[in-house]
Amino acid sequence: MKKVGLSSFVLFALIFSLTFSVAWAKELTFLTVGYSGELLNYLRNEVVPEFKDKYGVDVVML
């Protein structure tokens, strides 16, 4: 029973720390290898600007 409690605590701590590190990020790098040109255009023109407006994070697509 103790292992389950410890595992749950470690998982919670990891999620908590990742949430704050993403919240403080100023730039997000997104690897787009193998995506079609149509999907890349959609991401650049529709998704990335909306994400930037909503979260205030610049997205770099590689």
N, C-alpha and C. Protein backbone atom coordinates (compact mmCIF):
# COMPACT_ATOMS: atom_id res chain seq x y z
N MET A 1 0.82 -1.20 0.00
CA MET A 1 0.00 0.00 0.00
C MET A 1 0.86 1.26 0.00
N LYS A 2 2.00 1.22 0.69
CA LYS A 2 2.87 2.39 0.74
C LYS A 2 3.45 2.72 -0.63
N LYS A 3 3.73 1.69 -1.44
CA LYS A 3 4.28 1.92 -2.77
C LYS A 3 3.30 2.68 -3.65
N VAL A 4 2.03 2.38 -3.53
CA VAL A 4 1.02 3.07 -4.32
C VAL A 4 0.95 4.53 -3.92
N GLY A 5 0.98 4.81 -2.63
CA GLY A 5 0.94 6.18 -2.15
C GLY A 5 2.15 6.97 -2.59
N LEU A 6 3.32 6.36 -2.50
CA LEU A 6 4.55 7.02 -2.92
C LEU A 6 4.55 7.25 -4.42
N SER A 7 4.11 6.26 -5.19
CA SER A 7 4.04 6.41 -6.64
C SER A 7 3.09 7.52 -7.03
N SER A 8 1.96 7.59 -6.37
CA SER A 8 0.99 8.65 -6.65
C SER A 8 1.57 10.02 -6.33
N PHE A 9 2.29 10.12 -5.23
CA PHE A 9 2.90 11.39 -4.86
C PHE A 9 3.95 11.81 -5.87
N VAL A 10 4.79 10.87 -6.30
CA VAL A 10 5.84 11.18 -7.28
C VAL A 10 5.20 11.61 -8.60
N LEU A 11 4.17 10.92 -9.04
CA LEU A 11 3.48 11.28 -10.27
C LEU A 11 2.87 12.67 -10.16
N PHE A 12 2.23 12.96 -9.05
CA PHE A 12 1.63 14.28 -8.83
C PHE A 12 2.70 15.36 -8.84
N ALA A 13 3.83 15.11 -8.18
CA ALA A 13 4.92 16.10 -8.13
C ALA A 13 5.49 16.35 -9.51
N LEU A 14 5.62 15.30 -10.31
CA LEU A 14 6.13 15.44 -11.67
C LEU A 14 5.19 16.26 -12.53
N ILE A 15 3.91 15.97 -12.48
CA ILE A 15 2.92 16.72 -13.25
C ILE A 15 2.88 18.17 -12.80
N PHE A 16 2.94 18.39 -11.50
CA PHE A 16 2.93 19.74 -10.95
C PHE A 16 4.13 20.54 -11.43
N SER A 17 5.32 19.94 -11.41
CA SER A 17 6.52 20.66 -11.84
C SER A 17 6.51 20.92 -13.33
N LEU A 18 6.02 19.97 -14.13
CA LEU A 18 5.94 20.19 -15.57
C LEU A 18 4.94 21.28 -15.92
N THR A 19 3.85 21.35 -15.18
CA THR A 19 2.84 22.38 -15.43
C THR A 19 3.44 23.76 -15.24
N PHE A 20 4.19 23.95 -14.17
CA PHE A 20 4.77 25.27 -13.93
C PHE A 20 5.89 25.58 -14.90
N SER A 21 6.67 24.60 -15.32
CA SER A 21 7.74 24.89 -16.27
C SER A 21 7.16 25.26 -17.62
N VAL A 22 6.06 24.65 -18.04
CA VAL A 22 5.41 25.02 -19.29
C VAL A 22 4.76 26.39 -19.15
N ALA A 23 4.20 26.69 -18.00
CA ALA A 23 3.54 27.97 -17.80
C ALA A 23 4.53 29.13 -17.87
N TRP A 24 5.78 28.91 -17.50
CA TRP A 24 6.79 29.97 -17.53
C TRP A 24 7.56 30.01 -18.84
N ALA A 25 7.30 29.09 -19.73
CA ALA A 25 8.04 29.05 -20.99
C ALA A 25 7.69 30.25 -21.85
N LYS A 26 8.68 30.76 -22.54
CA LYS A 26 8.49 31.88 -23.46
C LYS A 26 8.48 31.41 -24.91
N GLU A 27 9.03 30.21 -25.14
CA GLU A 27 9.13 29.69 -26.49
C GLU A 27 8.94 28.19 -26.46
N LEU A 28 8.20 27.68 -27.43
CA LEU A 28 7.96 26.25 -27.56
C LEU A 28 8.45 25.81 -28.92
N THR A 29 9.33 24.83 -28.96
CA THR A 29 9.84 24.31 -30.23
C THR A 29 9.05 23.05 -30.57
N PHE A 30 8.56 23.01 -31.81
CA PHE A 30 7.68 21.94 -32.26
C PHE A 30 8.30 21.30 -33.49
N LEU A 31 8.65 20.03 -33.43
CA LEU A 31 9.28 19.31 -34.52
C LEU A 31 8.21 18.79 -35.47
N THR A 32 8.31 19.17 -36.74
CA THR A 32 7.27 18.84 -37.72
C THR A 32 7.78 17.95 -38.84
N VAL A 33 8.70 17.08 -38.55
CA VAL A 33 9.27 16.19 -39.55
C VAL A 33 8.21 15.20 -40.02
N GLY A 34 8.04 15.10 -41.33
CA GLY A 34 7.13 14.13 -41.90
C GLY A 34 5.69 14.60 -42.04
N TYR A 35 5.39 15.84 -41.65
CA TYR A 35 4.03 16.35 -41.80
C TYR A 35 3.83 16.87 -43.21
N SER A 36 2.64 16.76 -43.72
CA SER A 36 2.35 17.25 -45.07
C SER A 36 2.38 18.77 -45.11
N GLY A 37 2.59 19.33 -46.30
CA GLY A 37 2.61 20.78 -46.47
C GLY A 37 1.29 21.41 -46.09
N GLU A 38 0.20 20.71 -46.39
CA GLU A 38 -1.12 21.23 -46.05
C GLU A 38 -1.30 21.34 -44.54
N LEU A 39 -0.87 20.33 -43.82
CA LEU A 39 -0.98 20.37 -42.36
C LEU A 39 -0.07 21.45 -41.78
N LEU A 40 1.14 21.58 -42.30
CA LEU A 40 2.06 22.62 -41.82
C LEU A 40 1.48 24.01 -42.03
N ASN A 41 0.88 24.24 -43.20
CA ASN A 41 0.24 25.54 -43.45
C ASN A 41 -0.90 25.80 -42.48
N TYR A 42 -1.70 24.78 -42.22
CA TYR A 42 -2.80 24.93 -41.26
C TYR A 42 -2.27 25.26 -39.87
N LEU A 43 -1.24 24.55 -39.45
CA LEU A 43 -0.65 24.81 -38.13
C LEU A 43 -0.11 26.23 -38.05
N ARG A 44 0.64 26.65 -39.08
CA ARG A 44 1.23 28.00 -39.09
C ARG A 44 0.18 29.10 -39.11
N ASN A 45 -0.86 28.90 -39.90
CA ASN A 45 -1.84 29.97 -40.12
C ASN A 45 -2.99 29.99 -39.12
N GLU A 46 -3.33 28.84 -38.56
CA GLU A 46 -4.50 28.76 -37.69
C GLU A 46 -4.16 28.43 -36.23
N VAL A 47 -3.43 27.36 -36.04
CA VAL A 47 -3.20 26.84 -34.69
C VAL A 47 -2.18 27.67 -33.92
N VAL A 48 -1.03 27.93 -34.54
CA VAL A 48 0.05 28.63 -33.83
C VAL A 48 -0.37 30.03 -33.38
N PRO A 49 -0.99 30.86 -34.24
CA PRO A 49 -1.40 32.19 -33.76
C PRO A 49 -2.41 32.13 -32.61
N GLU A 50 -3.34 31.20 -32.68
CA GLU A 50 -4.33 31.06 -31.60
C GLU A 50 -3.66 30.60 -30.31
N PHE A 51 -2.72 29.67 -30.42
CA PHE A 51 -1.98 29.20 -29.24
C PHE A 51 -1.19 30.34 -28.62
N LYS A 52 -0.54 31.13 -29.47
CA LYS A 52 0.26 32.26 -28.98
C LYS A 52 -0.63 33.28 -28.27
N ASP A 53 -1.78 33.59 -28.84
CA ASP A 53 -2.70 34.54 -28.22
C ASP A 53 -3.23 34.02 -26.88
N LYS A 54 -3.54 32.74 -26.83
CA LYS A 54 -4.14 32.17 -25.63
C LYS A 54 -3.13 31.99 -24.50
N TYR A 55 -1.90 31.55 -24.83
CA TYR A 55 -0.92 31.21 -23.79
C TYR A 55 0.27 32.16 -23.72
N GLY A 56 0.42 33.05 -24.70
CA GLY A 56 1.53 34.00 -24.69
C GLY A 56 2.89 33.35 -24.90
N VAL A 57 2.92 32.26 -25.63
CA VAL A 57 4.16 31.52 -25.88
C VAL A 57 4.43 31.53 -27.38
N ASP A 58 5.66 31.89 -27.76
CA ASP A 58 6.05 31.83 -29.16
C ASP A 58 6.31 30.38 -29.54
N VAL A 59 5.83 29.98 -30.72
CA VAL A 59 6.01 28.61 -31.19
C VAL A 59 6.98 28.63 -32.37
N VAL A 60 8.02 27.81 -32.27
CA VAL A 60 8.99 27.66 -33.35
C VAL A 60 8.78 26.29 -33.96
N MET A 61 8.47 26.27 -35.25
CA MET A 61 8.25 25.00 -35.94
C MET A 61 9.51 24.63 -36.70
N LEU A 62 10.06 23.47 -36.40
CA LEU A 62 11.26 22.98 -37.08
C LEU A 62 10.91 21.90 -38.06
